[in-house]
Amino acid sequence: MNTAAKVDELITTEKNSGTPLELVAWDAAKACVGWAYVFGAAGEYCDIDNRRAYYARKGQDHPTIKTACQIMMGKSSGCSGCKFYPGGKTRFFDCRGFTRWILKKVYGWVLQGGGATSQWNTASNWKSKGAISDGIPANTLVCLFVQKGKSMEHTGFGLNNETVECSVGVQYFSSRNKKWTHWGVPACVEGDVPVPEPTTKPTLRKGDAGPYVTLAQTELLQRGYDLGSYGADGKFGNATEKAVKQFQMDWGLSIDGIIGPRTWEMLESTPAKVTYRVTIPDLSLAEANELLVKYPKGVMVKEGGAD
């Protein structure tokens, strides 16, 4: 998880390098993954003063404000060790506060409206908008909405088929959920900046199968993780899940057994385990069998002779 300072640095660096603002906003949104949800919030620092202030506001005493805070629950006297304090402050949002904060931070432009419905209904907010069922702009940063009745009950960001939203905290998804019903291109978004198609590999979990599972299994095997007798068989079963969890533990990732963007990144960037092949000539069968007992992962190959 990134600190607030790290996300600020990312935005500044990308803007100074001339990265299109659409991509800056998208990268910034993804960099906030893991940050907390607080009802009514719009990017305030996640600290005890701000949590207490929100908890005290009438109509905004959402239970997660308190239960997600180790200080307010009396479990600690400080932020150190909290999942929302990775060595520095993060920020918190609700769904409409998240999109509003990102656009303001990157574009200096304010998405009007105090909630998802009022944001959607404010015509000046949008360059264009419509229903997802009628088609959604490709290669364009959009705000996504979930409609229930006449109201919009949730909002987030979309780019091609990927999404970032603040629901139970800021989350990234490599595939757009069917819950989303509408889209809007914010008035500040350029719209004519080409955004490359995403190359993100699919999120994999137990029960999945196919070539991407085989690829992930191969990466695990090359790094010395045991897949039992199955090997890289293209089926995500118990042995693969166990190996993924061990890999995640070894590299400081969330231990959920799911191969998402961060686990894919680490699988492809961490060094493969170096192995060696040793040939010992002139061994008898008995001597070779003794070595196999000592080194059970070895393989015996007969090379001439009666034995």
Foldseek 3Di string as FASTA:
>chain_A
DDAQVVLLVQLVVCVVVVNALQVNLVVSLVVFFPAAEFPQDQWAKPADVVLVVQCPDPPRVPVCSQVLDCVSVVNDVGCPPRSCCPPHIHTYYAFVSDVQNSCCSRQVDGQDDSDPFRSVVPVLFFPDKDWVVVPDDAQAKKKWFADDDNGTHGIWIDHHQKTWTQHRGTDIAPGHDPRTTMIGHTPRTPSPDGDDDDPFDHKDAAAFFDDVQLVLQVLLVQQPQDQDPCGSVRHRHDSQLVSLQVVCVVVVHPRDSMCGRVNVVCSVPDDGDDDDDDDDPDDDPVRVVVVCVVVVVDDDDDDDDPD
